[in-house]
Amino acid sequence: MSIADTITVLYFYKMNINIEKLDDPDRERLIISKGHSVLAQYAVLAELGYFSRAELKKCKTLGSLLQGHPELKTPGIEANTGSLGQGLSISFGMALRGGNGLRYL
């Protein structure tokens, strides 16, 4: 949860996101390398309305929408990550692909 303040500032004050257009090609994406910090991201995503706050109570349970590491099936999650540093290579590849409003934050 040590990343909670950073994630909060990014989502609420810096990132170009629109909850009404989850697939907007011009949205900014947050890829977190240390996947185990996703719990803080889940809290922010629930607050923004990506999914119900009630989902937070099911976190890390078998079959839950919210697992212990980010998964693409979760609204607002842009990449499956877990291994430290994995997010850097994913985001670098996205940036190299270019277009669609992708930029490195």
PDB file of N, CA and C in Angstrom:
ATOM      1  N   MET A   1       0.822  -1.209   0.000  1.00  0.00           N
ATOM      2  CA  MET A   1       0.000   0.000   0.000  1.00  0.00           C
ATOM      3  C   MET A   1       0.862   1.267   0.000  1.00  0.00           C
ATOM      4  N   SER A   2       2.182   1.106  -0.014  1.00  0.00           N
ATOM      5  CA  SER A   2       3.064   2.273   0.025  1.00  0.00           C
ATOM      6  C   SER A   2       2.955   3.137  -1.227  1.00  0.00           C
ATOM      7  N   ILE A   3       2.287   2.656  -2.251  1.00  0.00           N
ATOM      8  CA  ILE A   3       2.139   3.406  -3.488  1.00  0.00           C
ATOM      9  C   ILE A   3       0.791   4.131  -3.565  1.00  0.00           C
ATOM     10  N   ALA A   4      -0.009   4.047  -2.518  1.00  0.00           N
ATOM     11  CA  ALA A   4      -1.364   4.603  -2.528  1.00  0.00           C
ATOM     12  C   ALA A   4      -1.391   6.095  -2.845  1.00  0.00           C
ATOM     13  N   ASP A   5      -0.489   6.862  -2.267  1.00  0.00           N
ATOM     14  CA  ASP A   5      -0.501   8.312  -2.520  1.00  0.00           C
ATOM     15  C   ASP A   5      -0.173   8.625  -3.978  1.00  0.00           C
ATOM     16  N   THR A   6       0.781   7.913  -4.543  1.00  0.00           N
ATOM     17  CA  THR A   6       1.170   8.133  -5.938  1.00  0.00           C
ATOM     18  C   THR A   6       0.035   7.769  -6.886  1.00  0.00           C
ATOM     19  N   ILE A   7      -0.577   6.628  -6.668  1.00  0.00           N
ATOM     20  CA  ILE A   7      -1.682   6.189  -7.522  1.00  0.00           C
ATOM     21  C   ILE A   7      -2.857   7.156  -7.423  1.00  0.00           C
ATOM     22  N   THR A   8      -3.147   7.626  -6.225  1.00  0.00           N
ATOM     23  CA  THR A   8      -4.247   8.565  -6.032  1.00  0.00           C
ATOM     24  C   THR A   8      -4.022   9.843  -6.822  1.00  0.00           C
ATOM     25  N   VAL A   9      -2.843  10.419  -6.725  1.00  0.00           N
ATOM     26  CA  VAL A   9      -2.538  11.653  -7.464  1.00  0.00           C
ATOM     27  C   VAL A   9      -2.633  11.413  -8.965  1.00  0.00           C
ATOM     28  N   LEU A  10      -2.071  10.315  -9.445  1.00  0.00           N
ATOM     29  CA  LEU A  10      -2.109  10.033 -10.881  1.00  0.00           C
ATOM     30  C   LEU A  10      -3.540   9.915 -11.390  1.00  0.00           C
ATOM     31  N   TYR A  11      -4.341   9.079 -10.757  1.00  0.00           N
ATOM     32  CA  TYR A  11      -5.700   8.849 -11.246  1.00  0.00           C
ATOM     33  C   TYR A  11      -6.621  10.051 -11.073  1.00  0.00           C
ATOM     34  N   PHE A  12      -6.536  10.733  -9.940  1.00  0.00           N
ATOM     35  CA  PHE A  12      -7.484  11.803  -9.670  1.00  0.00           C
ATOM     36  C   PHE A  12      -7.053  13.173 -10.195  1.00  0.00           C
ATOM     37  N   TYR A  13      -5.743  13.374 -10.415  1.00  0.00           N
ATOM     38  CA  TYR A  13      -5.295  14.719 -10.778  1.00  0.00           C
ATOM     39  C   TYR A  13      -4.443  14.819 -12.041  1.00  0.00           C
ATOM     40  N   LYS A  14      -3.879  13.722 -12.514  1.00  0.00           N
ATOM     41  CA  LYS A  14      -2.943  13.816 -13.633  1.00  0.00           C
ATOM     42  C   LYS A  14      -3.374  13.073 -14.893  1.00  0.00           C
ATOM     43  N   MET A  15      -3.907  11.888 -14.747  1.00  0.00           N
ATOM     44  CA  MET A  15      -4.163  11.041 -15.908  1.00  0.00           C
ATOM     45  C   MET A  15      -5.424  11.442 -16.672  1.00  0.00           C
ATOM     46  N   ASN A  16      -5.345  11.283 -17.986  1.00  0.00           N
ATOM     47  CA  ASN A  16      -6.484  11.514 -18.865  1.00  0.00           C
ATOM     48  C   ASN A  16      -7.251  10.198 -18.981  1.00  0.00           C
ATOM     49  N   ILE A  17      -8.287  10.049 -18.156  1.00  0.00           N
ATOM     50  CA  ILE A  17      -9.113   8.848 -18.183  1.00  0.00           C
ATOM     51  C   ILE A  17     -10.576   9.270 -18.170  1.00  0.00           C
ATOM     52  N   ASN A  18     -11.427   8.398 -18.680  1.00  0.00           N
ATOM     53  CA  ASN A  18     -12.857   8.665 -18.698  1.00  0.00           C
ATOM     54  C   ASN A  18     -13.573   7.360 -18.389  1.00  0.00           C
ATOM     55  N   ILE A  19     -14.219   7.304 -17.255  1.00  0.00           N
ATOM     56  CA  ILE A  19     -14.904   6.088 -16.823  1.00  0.00           C
ATOM     57  C   ILE A  19     -16.009   5.692 -17.797  1.00  0.00           C
ATOM     58  N   GLU A  20     -16.521   6.656 -18.552  1.00  0.00           N
ATOM     59  CA  GLU A  20     -17.568   6.374 -19.538  1.00  0.00           C
ATOM     60  C   GLU A  20     -17.011   5.749 -20.808  1.00  0.00           C
ATOM     61  N   LYS A  21     -15.705   5.885 -21.032  1.00  0.00           N
ATOM     62  CA  LYS A  21     -15.064   5.362 -22.242  1.00  0.00           C
ATOM     63  C   LYS A  21     -13.820   4.568 -21.839  1.00  0.00           C
ATOM     64  N   LEU A  22     -14.030   3.388 -21.302  1.00  0.00           N
ATOM     65  CA  LEU A  22     -12.908   2.586 -20.814  1.00  0.00           C
ATOM     66  C   LEU A  22     -11.942   2.177 -21.922  1.00  0.00           C
ATOM     67  N   ASP A  23     -12.418   2.094 -23.155  1.00  0.00           N
ATOM     68  CA  ASP A  23     -11.568   1.690 -24.281  1.00  0.00           C
ATOM     69  C   ASP A  23     -11.117   2.874 -25.124  1.00  0.00           C
ATOM     70  N   ASP A  24     -11.243   4.090 -24.606  1.00  0.00           N
ATOM     71  CA  ASP A  24     -10.825   5.279 -25.351  1.00  0.00           C
ATOM     72  C   ASP A  24      -9.354   5.146 -25.742  1.00  0.00           C
ATOM     73  N   PRO A  25      -9.044   5.179 -27.029  1.00  0.00           N
ATOM     74  CA  PRO A  25      -7.645   5.014 -27.452  1.00  0.00           C
ATOM     75  C   PRO A  25      -6.736   6.146 -26.976  1.00  0.00           C
ATOM     76  N   ASP A  26      -7.310   7.276 -26.595  1.00  0.00           N
ATOM     77  CA  ASP A  26      -6.507   8.407 -26.131  1.00  0.00           C
ATOM     78  C   ASP A  26      -6.340   8.454 -24.613  1.00  0.00           C
ATOM     79  N   ARG A  27      -6.847   7.419 -23.915  1.00  0.00           N
ATOM     80  CA  ARG A  27      -6.705   7.415 -22.456  1.00  0.00           C
ATOM     81  C   ARG A  27      -5.240   7.185 -22.087  1.00  0.00           C
ATOM     82  N   GLU A  28      -4.880   7.655 -20.917  1.00  0.00           N
ATOM     83  CA  GLU A  28      -3.551   7.353 -20.398  1.00  0.00           C
ATOM     84  C   GLU A  28      -3.646   6.063 -19.600  1.00  0.00           C
ATOM     85  N   ARG A  29      -2.583   5.305 -19.640  1.00  0.00           N
ATOM     86  CA  ARG A  29      -2.573   3.999 -19.006  1.00  0.00           C
ATOM     87  C   ARG A  29      -1.533   3.951 -17.892  1.00  0.00           C
ATOM     88  N   LEU A  30      -1.878   3.294 -16.811  1.00  0.00           N
ATOM     89  CA  LEU A  30      -0.944   3.100 -15.713  1.00  0.00           C
ATOM     90  C   LEU A  30      -0.584   1.624 -15.649  1.00  0.00           C
ATOM     91  N   ILE A  31       0.692   1.335 -15.857  1.00  0.00           N
ATOM     92  CA  ILE A  31       1.197  -0.032 -15.778  1.00  0.00           C
ATOM     93  C   ILE A  31       2.097  -0.084 -14.543  1.00  0.00           C
ATOM     94  N   ILE A  32       1.760  -0.936 -13.602  1.00  0.00           N
ATOM     95  CA  ILE A  32       2.525  -1.023 -12.363  1.00  0.00           C
ATOM     96  C   ILE A  32       3.429  -2.250 -12.415  1.00  0.00           C
ATOM     97  N   SER A  33       4.736  -2.025 -12.268  1.00  0.00           N
ATOM     98  CA  SER A  33       5.685  -3.132 -12.303  1.00  0.00           C
ATOM     99  C   SER A  33       5.569  -4.028 -11.084  1.00  0.00           C
ATOM    100  N   LYS A  34       5.422  -3.440  -9.923  1.00  0.00           N
ATOM    101  CA  LYS A  34       5.312  -4.291  -8.727  1.00  0.00           C
ATOM    102  C   LYS A  34       3.840  -4.647  -8.520  1.00  0.00           C
ATOM    103  N   GLY A  35       3.470  -5.751  -9.156  1.00  0.00           N
ATOM    104  CA  GLY A  35       2.081  -6.184  -9.196  1.00  0.00           C
ATOM    105  C   GLY A  35       1.444  -6.379  -7.841  1.00  0.00           C
ATOM    106  N   HIS A  36       2.241  -6.699  -6.822  1.00  0.00           N
ATOM    107  CA  HIS A  36       1.667  -6.923  -5.496  1.00  0.00           C
ATOM    108  C   HIS A  36       1.114  -5.645  -4.871  1.00  0.00           C
ATOM    109  N   SER A  37       1.395  -4.483  -5.483  1.00  0.00           N
ATOM    110  CA  SER A  37       0.841  -3.224  -4.963  1.00  0.00           C
ATOM    111  C   SER A  37      -0.519  -2.908  -5.579  1.00  0.00           C
ATOM    112  N   VAL A  38      -1.080  -3.855  -6.305  1.00  0.00           N
ATOM    113  CA  VAL A  38      -2.346  -3.630  -6.990  1.00  0.00           C
ATOM    114  C   VAL A  38      -3.499  -3.359  -6.023  1.00  0.00           C
ATOM    115  N   LEU A  39      -3.365  -3.746  -4.773  1.00  0.00           N
ATOM    116  CA  LEU A  39      -4.449  -3.498  -3.813  1.00  0.00           C
ATOM    117  C   LEU A  39      -4.755  -2.011  -3.694  1.00  0.00           C
ATOM    118  N   ALA A  40      -3.727  -1.193  -3.726  1.00  0.00           N
ATOM    119  CA  ALA A  40      -3.933   0.257  -3.685  1.00  0.00           C
ATOM    120  C   ALA A  40      -4.629   0.725  -4.963  1.00  0.00           C
ATOM    121  N   GLN A  41      -4.251   0.152  -6.086  1.00  0.00           N
ATOM    122  CA  GLN A  41      -4.887   0.512  -7.352  1.00  0.00           C
ATOM    123  C   GLN A  41      -6.357   0.100  -7.348  1.00  0.00           C
ATOM    124  N   TYR A  42      -6.667  -1.062  -6.809  1.00  0.00           N
ATOM    125  CA  TYR A  42      -8.057  -1.494  -6.722  1.00  0.00           C
ATOM    126  C   TYR A  42      -8.900  -0.489  -5.931  1.00  0.00           C
ATOM    127  N   ALA A  43      -8.368  -0.003  -4.831  1.00  0.00           N
ATOM    128  CA  ALA A  43      -9.107   0.956  -4.007  1.00  0.00           C
ATOM    129  C   ALA A  43      -9.435   2.215  -4.806  1.00  0.00           C
ATOM    130  N   VAL A  44      -8.463   2.708  -5.570  1.00  0.00           N
ATOM    131  CA  VAL A  44      -8.678   3.918  -6.381  1.00  0.00           C
ATOM    132  C   VAL A  44      -9.665   3.629  -7.511  1.00  0.00           C
ATOM    133  N   LEU A  45      -9.506   2.501  -8.183  1.00  0.00           N
ATOM    134  CA  LEU A  45     -10.418   2.153  -9.280  1.00  0.00           C
ATOM    135  C   LEU A  45     -11.858   2.011  -8.789  1.00  0.00           C
ATOM    136  N   ALA A  46     -12.041   1.432  -7.616  1.00  0.00           N
ATOM    137  CA  ALA A  46     -13.390   1.316  -7.041  1.00  0.00           C
ATOM    138  C   ALA A  46     -13.950   2.699  -6.736  1.00  0.00           C
ATOM    139  N   GLU A  47     -13.128   3.559  -6.193  1.00  0.00           N
ATOM    140  CA  GLU A  47     -13.570   4.923  -5.868  1.00  0.00           C
ATOM    141  C   GLU A  47     -13.969   5.689  -7.128  1.00  0.00           C
ATOM    142  N   LEU A  48     -13.273   5.433  -8.224  1.00  0.00           N
ATOM    143  CA  LEU A  48     -13.583   6.097  -9.496  1.00  0.00           C
ATOM    144  C   LEU A  48     -14.796   5.484 -10.200  1.00  0.00           C
ATOM    145  N   GLY A  49     -15.240   4.317  -9.751  1.00  0.00           N
ATOM    146  CA  GLY A  49     -16.416   3.693 -10.335  1.00  0.00           C
ATOM    147  C   GLY A  49     -16.142   2.646 -11.397  1.00  0.00           C
ATOM    148  N   TYR A  50     -14.921   2.162 -11.501  1.00  0.00           N
ATOM    149  CA  TYR A  50     -14.612   1.104 -12.465  1.00  0.00           C
ATOM    150  C   TYR A  50     -15.331  -0.191 -12.111  1.00  0.00           C
ATOM    151  N   PHE A  51     -15.557  -0.406 -10.840  1.00  0.00           N
ATOM    152  CA  PHE A  51     -16.323  -1.548 -10.346  1.00  0.00           C
ATOM    153  C   PHE A  51     -16.839  -1.182  -8.961  1.00  0.00           C
ATOM    154  N   SER A  52     -17.750  -1.972  -8.449  1.00  0.00           N
ATOM    155  CA  SER A  52     -18.381  -1.708  -7.158  1.00  0.00           C
ATOM    156  C   SER A  52     -17.382  -1.824  -5.999  1.00  0.00           C
ATOM    157  N   ARG A  53     -17.554  -0.985  -5.004  1.00  0.00           N
ATOM    158  CA  ARG A  53     -16.724  -1.083  -3.793  1.00  0.00           C
ATOM    159  C   ARG A  53     -16.902  -2.434  -3.110  1.00  0.00           C
ATOM    160  N   ALA A  54     -18.057  -3.050  -3.296  1.00  0.00           N
ATOM    161  CA  ALA A  54     -18.325  -4.359  -2.692  1.00  0.00           C
ATOM    162  C   ALA A  54     -17.330  -5.410  -3.190  1.00  0.00           C
ATOM    163  N   GLU A  55     -16.792  -5.220  -4.403  1.00  0.00           N
ATOM    164  CA  GLU A  55     -15.800  -6.156  -4.942  1.00  0.00           C
ATOM    165  C   GLU A  55     -14.541  -6.192  -4.083  1.00  0.00           C
ATOM    166  N   LEU A  56     -14.222  -5.094  -3.415  1.00  0.00           N
ATOM    167  CA  LEU A  56     -13.018  -5.029  -2.588  1.00  0.00           C
ATOM    168  C   LEU A  56     -13.040  -6.076  -1.477  1.00  0.00           C
ATOM    169  N   LYS A  57     -14.216  -6.409  -0.978  1.00  0.00           N
ATOM    170  CA  LYS A  57     -14.337  -7.406   0.089  1.00  0.00           C
ATOM    171  C   LYS A  57     -14.031  -8.819  -0.402  1.00  0.00           C
ATOM    172  N   LYS A  58     -14.088  -9.025  -1.715  1.00  0.00           N
ATOM    173  CA  LYS A  58     -13.835 -10.343  -2.301  1.00  0.00           C
ATOM    174  C   LYS A  58     -12.402 -10.469  -2.809  1.00  0.00           C
ATOM    175  N   CYS A  59     -11.625  -9.443  -2.621  1.00  0.00           N
ATOM    176  CA  CYS A  59     -10.262  -9.396  -3.149  1.00  0.00           C
ATOM    177  C   CYS A  59      -9.441 -10.617  -2.735  1.00  0.00           C
ATOM    178  N   LYS A  60      -8.716 -11.157  -3.707  1.00  0.00           N
ATOM    179  CA  LYS A  60      -7.815 -12.289  -3.496  1.00  0.00           C
ATOM    180  C   LYS A  60      -8.531 -13.569  -3.080  1.00  0.00           C
ATOM    181  N   THR A  61      -9.796 -13.703  -3.489  1.00  0.00           N
ATOM    182  CA  THR A  61     -10.500 -14.950  -3.255  1.00  0.00           C
ATOM    183  C   THR A  61     -10.688 -15.654  -4.595  1.00  0.00           C
ATOM    184  N   LEU A  62     -10.783 -16.954  -4.571  1.00  0.00           N
ATOM    185  CA  LEU A  62     -10.902 -17.752  -5.782  1.00  0.00           C
ATOM    186  C   LEU A  62     -12.091 -17.292  -6.623  1.00  0.00           C
ATOM    187  N   GLY A  63     -11.828 -16.968  -7.874  1.00  0.00           N
ATOM    188  CA  GLY A  63     -12.875 -16.535  -8.791  1.00  0.00           C
ATOM    189  C   GLY A  63     -13.218 -15.059  -8.722  1.00  0.00           C
ATOM    190  N   SER A  64     -12.589 -14.329  -7.833  1.00  0.00           N
ATOM    191  CA  SER A  64     -12.864 -12.903  -7.682  1.00  0.00           C
ATOM    192  C   SER A  64     -12.357 -12.106  -8.876  1.00  0.00           C
ATOM    193  N   LEU A  65     -12.993 -10.986  -9.122  1.00  0.00           N
ATOM    194  CA  LEU A  65     -12.552 -10.042 -10.146  1.00  0.00           C
ATOM    195  C   LEU A  65     -11.207  -9.435  -9.775  1.00  0.00           C
ATOM    196  N   LEU A  66     -10.918  -9.362  -8.481  1.00  0.00           N
ATOM    197  CA  LEU A  66      -9.714  -8.706  -7.971  1.00  0.00           C
ATOM    198  C   LEU A  66      -8.754  -9.737  -7.378  1.00  0.00           C
ATOM    199  N   GLN A  67      -7.703 -10.019  -8.094  1.00  0.00           N
ATOM    200  CA  GLN A  67      -6.720 -11.008  -7.649  1.00  0.00           C
ATOM    201  C   GLN A  67      -5.512 -10.327  -6.995  1.00  0.00           C
ATOM    202  N   GLY A  68      -4.548 -11.092  -6.564  1.00  0.00           N
ATOM    203  CA  GLY A  68      -3.378 -10.582  -5.853  1.00  0.00           C
ATOM    204  C   GLY A  68      -2.381  -9.845  -6.740  1.00  0.00           C
ATOM    205  N   HIS A  69      -2.491 -10.042  -8.044  1.00  0.00           N
ATOM    206  CA  HIS A  69      -1.688  -9.313  -9.025  1.00  0.00           C
ATOM    207  C   HIS A  69      -2.633  -8.846 -10.128  1.00  0.00           C
ATOM    208  N   PRO A  70      -2.279  -7.756 -10.823  1.00  0.00           N
ATOM    209  CA  PRO A  70      -3.173  -7.208 -11.857  1.00  0.00           C
ATOM    210  C   PRO A  70      -3.481  -8.221 -12.962  1.00  0.00           C
ATOM    211  N   GLU A  71      -4.736  -8.238 -13.380  1.00  0.00           N
ATOM    212  CA  GLU A  71      -5.177  -9.085 -14.493  1.00  0.00           C
ATOM    213  C   GLU A  71      -6.046  -8.249 -15.420  1.00  0.00           C
ATOM    214  N   LEU A  72      -5.918  -8.492 -16.710  1.00  0.00           N
ATOM    215  CA  LEU A  72      -6.665  -7.726 -17.705  1.00  0.00           C
ATOM    216  C   LEU A  72      -8.174  -7.846 -17.565  1.00  0.00           C
ATOM    217  N   LYS A  73      -8.661  -8.891 -16.922  1.00  0.00           N
ATOM    218  CA  LYS A  73     -10.109  -9.050 -16.768  1.00  0.00           C
ATOM    219  C   LYS A  73     -10.711  -7.987 -15.844  1.00  0.00           C
ATOM    220  N   THR A  74      -9.873  -7.315 -15.079  1.00  0.00           N
ATOM    221  CA  THR A  74     -10.339  -6.299 -14.138  1.00  0.00           C
ATOM    222  C   THR A  74     -10.440  -4.951 -14.841  1.00  0.00           C
ATOM    223  N   PRO A  75     -11.618  -4.314 -14.821  1.00  0.00           N
ATOM    224  CA  PRO A  75     -11.753  -3.003 -15.459  1.00  0.00           C
ATOM    225  C   PRO A  75     -10.728  -2.002 -14.901  1.00  0.00           C
ATOM    226  N   GLY A  76     -10.060  -1.308 -15.801  1.00  0.00           N
ATOM    227  CA  GLY A  76      -9.064  -0.313 -15.400  1.00  0.00           C
ATOM    228  C   GLY A  76      -7.644  -0.841 -15.369  1.00  0.00           C
ATOM    229  N   ILE A  77      -7.476  -2.150 -15.405  1.00  0.00           N
ATOM    230  CA  ILE A  77      -6.133  -2.744 -15.423  1.00  0.00           C
ATOM    231  C   ILE A  77      -5.695  -2.868 -16.881  1.00  0.00           C
ATOM    232  N   GLU A  78      -4.501  -2.385 -17.176  1.00  0.00           N
ATOM    233  CA  GLU A  78      -4.015  -2.323 -18.554  1.00  0.00           C
ATOM    234  C   GLU A  78      -3.052  -3.445 -18.923  1.00  0.00           C
ATOM    235  N   ALA A  79      -2.531  -4.176 -17.942  1.00  0.00           N
ATOM    236  CA  ALA A  79      -1.580  -5.254 -18.238  1.00  0.00           C
ATOM    237  C   ALA A  79      -1.515  -6.230 -17.072  1.00  0.00           C
ATOM    238  N   ASN A  80      -1.286  -7.493 -17.382  1.00  0.00           N
ATOM    239  CA  ASN A  80      -1.022  -8.489 -16.352  1.00  0.00           C
ATOM    240  C   ASN A  80       0.434  -8.314 -15.924  1.00  0.00           C
ATOM    241  N   THR A  81       0.659  -8.021 -14.669  1.00  0.00           N
ATOM    242  CA  THR A  81       2.030  -7.883 -14.174  1.00  0.00           C
ATOM    243  C   THR A  81       2.175  -8.657 -12.881  1.00  0.00           C
ATOM    244  N   GLY A  82       3.376  -8.823 -12.448  1.00  0.00           N
ATOM    245  CA  GLY A  82       3.625  -9.543 -11.206  1.00  0.00           C
ATOM    246  C   GLY A  82       5.097  -9.536 -10.899  1.00  0.00           C
ATOM    247  N   SER A  83       5.892 -10.012 -11.833  1.00  0.00           N
ATOM    248  CA  SER A  83       7.335 -10.008 -11.620  1.00  0.00           C
ATOM    249  C   SER A  83       7.832  -8.559 -11.600  1.00  0.00           C
ATOM    250  N   LEU A  84       8.663  -8.246 -10.623  1.00  0.00           N
ATOM    251  CA  LEU A  84       9.183  -6.880 -10.532  1.00  0.00           C
ATOM    252  C   LEU A  84       9.901  -6.518 -11.823  1.00  0.00           C
ATOM    253  N   GLY A  85       9.574  -5.363 -12.363  1.00  0.00           N
ATOM    254  CA  GLY A  85      10.192  -4.889 -13.589  1.00  0.00           C
ATOM    255  C   GLY A  85       9.438  -5.263 -14.851  1.00  0.00           C
ATOM    256  N   GLN A  86       8.513  -6.186 -14.756  1.00  0.00           N
ATOM    257  CA  GLN A  86       7.762  -6.635 -15.920  1.00  0.00           C
ATOM    258  C   GLN A  86       6.966  -5.486 -16.539  1.00  0.00           C
ATOM    259  N   GLY A  87       6.420  -4.611 -15.731  1.00  0.00           N
ATOM    260  CA  GLY A  87       5.623  -3.496 -16.226  1.00  0.00           C
ATOM    261  C   GLY A  87       6.421  -2.541 -17.089  1.00  0.00           C
ATOM    262  N   LEU A  88       7.711  -2.402 -16.790  1.00  0.00           N
ATOM    263  CA  LEU A  88       8.558  -1.507 -17.581  1.00  0.00           C
ATOM    264  C   LEU A  88       8.647  -1.987 -19.021  1.00  0.00           C
ATOM    265  N   SER A  89       8.875  -3.274 -19.218  1.00  0.00           N
ATOM    266  CA  SER A  89       8.983  -3.790 -20.588  1.00  0.00           C
ATOM    267  C   SER A  89       7.642  -3.718 -21.310  1.00  0.00           C
ATOM    268  N   ILE A  90       6.551  -3.944 -20.610  1.00  0.00           N
ATOM    269  CA  ILE A  90       5.223  -3.849 -21.225  1.00  0.00           C
ATOM    270  C   ILE A  90       4.947  -2.414 -21.653  1.00  0.00           C
ATOM    271  N   SER A  91       5.172  -1.462 -20.759  1.00  0.00           N
ATOM    272  CA  SER A  91       4.892  -0.063 -21.091  1.00  0.00           C
ATOM    273  C   SER A  91       5.838   0.459 -22.167  1.00  0.00           C
ATOM    274  N   PHE A  92       7.075  -0.003 -22.162  1.00  0.00           N
ATOM    275  CA  PHE A  92       8.030   0.397 -23.197  1.00  0.00           C
ATOM    276  C   PHE A  92       7.549  -0.103 -24.561  1.00  0.00           C
ATOM    277  N   GLY A  93       7.087  -1.327 -24.615  1.00  0.00           N
ATOM    278  CA  GLY A  93       6.544  -1.868 -25.863  1.00  0.00           C
ATOM    279  C   GLY A  93       5.334  -1.089 -26.333  1.00  0.00           C
ATOM    280  N   MET A  94       4.450  -0.713 -25.417  1.00  0.00           N
ATOM    281  CA  MET A  94       3.281   0.095 -25.782  1.00  0.00           C
ATOM    282  C   MET A  94       3.711   1.448 -26.333  1.00  0.00           C
ATOM    283  N   ALA A  95       4.690   2.060 -25.688  1.00  0.00           N
ATOM    284  CA  ALA A  95       5.169   3.368 -26.143  1.00  0.00           C
ATOM    285  C   ALA A  95       5.834   3.261 -27.512  1.00  0.00           C
ATOM    286  N   LEU A  96       6.595   2.197 -27.741  1.00  0.00           N
ATOM    287  CA  LEU A  96       7.227   2.002 -29.051  1.00  0.00           C
ATOM    288  C   LEU A  96       6.191   1.819 -30.148  1.00  0.00           C
ATOM    289  N   ARG A  97       5.112   1.150 -29.808  1.00  0.00           N
ATOM    290  CA  ARG A  97       4.036   0.952 -30.783  1.00  0.00           C
ATOM    291  C   ARG A  97       3.486   2.303 -31.218  1.00  0.00           C
ATOM    292  N   GLY A  98       3.473   3.246 -30.261  1.00  0.00           N
ATOM    293  CA  GLY A  98       3.060   4.614 -30.564  1.00  0.00           C
ATOM    294  C   GLY A  98       1.591   4.737 -30.886  1.00  0.00           C
ATOM    295  N   GLY A  99       1.214   5.964 -31.200  1.00  0.00           N
ATOM    296  CA  GLY A  99      -0.173   6.241 -31.555  1.00  0.00           C
ATOM    297  C   GLY A  99      -1.104   6.065 -30.380  1.00  0.00           C
ATOM    298  N   ASN A 100      -2.366   6.258 -30.623  1.00  0.00           N
ATOM    299  CA  ASN A 100      -3.418   6.049 -29.635  1.00  0.00           C
ATOM    300  C   ASN A 100      -3.171   6.752 -28.306  1.00  0.00           C
ATOM    301  N   GLY A 101      -2.511   7.885 -28.339  1.00  0.00           N
ATOM    302  CA  GLY A 101      -2.331   8.657 -27.117  1.00  0.00           C
ATOM    303  C   GLY A 101      -1.402   8.052 -26.092  1.00  0.00           C
ATOM    304  N   LEU A 102      -0.636   7.035 -26.460  1.00  0.00           N
ATOM    305  CA  LEU A 102       0.258   6.413 -25.491  1.00  0.00           C
ATOM    306  C   LEU A 102       1.444   7.299 -25.206  1.00  0.00           C
ATOM    307  N   ARG A 103       1.724   7.472 -23.962  1.00  0.00           N
ATOM    308  CA  ARG A 103       2.921   8.186 -23.560  1.00  0.00           C
ATOM    309  C   ARG A 103       3.373   7.634 -22.225  1.00  0.00           C
ATOM    310  N   TYR A 104       4.630   7.767 -21.961  1.00  0.00           N
ATOM    311  CA  TYR A 104       5.215   7.259 -20.727  1.00  0.00           C
ATOM    312  C   TYR A 104       5.054   8.304 -19.641  1.00  0.00           C
ATOM    313  N   LEU A 105       4.463   7.935 -18.488  1.00  0.00           N
ATOM    314  CA  LEU A 105       4.313   8.864 -17.348  1.00  0.00           C
ATOM    315  C   LEU A 105       5.454   8.652 -16.386  1.00  0.00           C
TER     316      LEU A 105
END
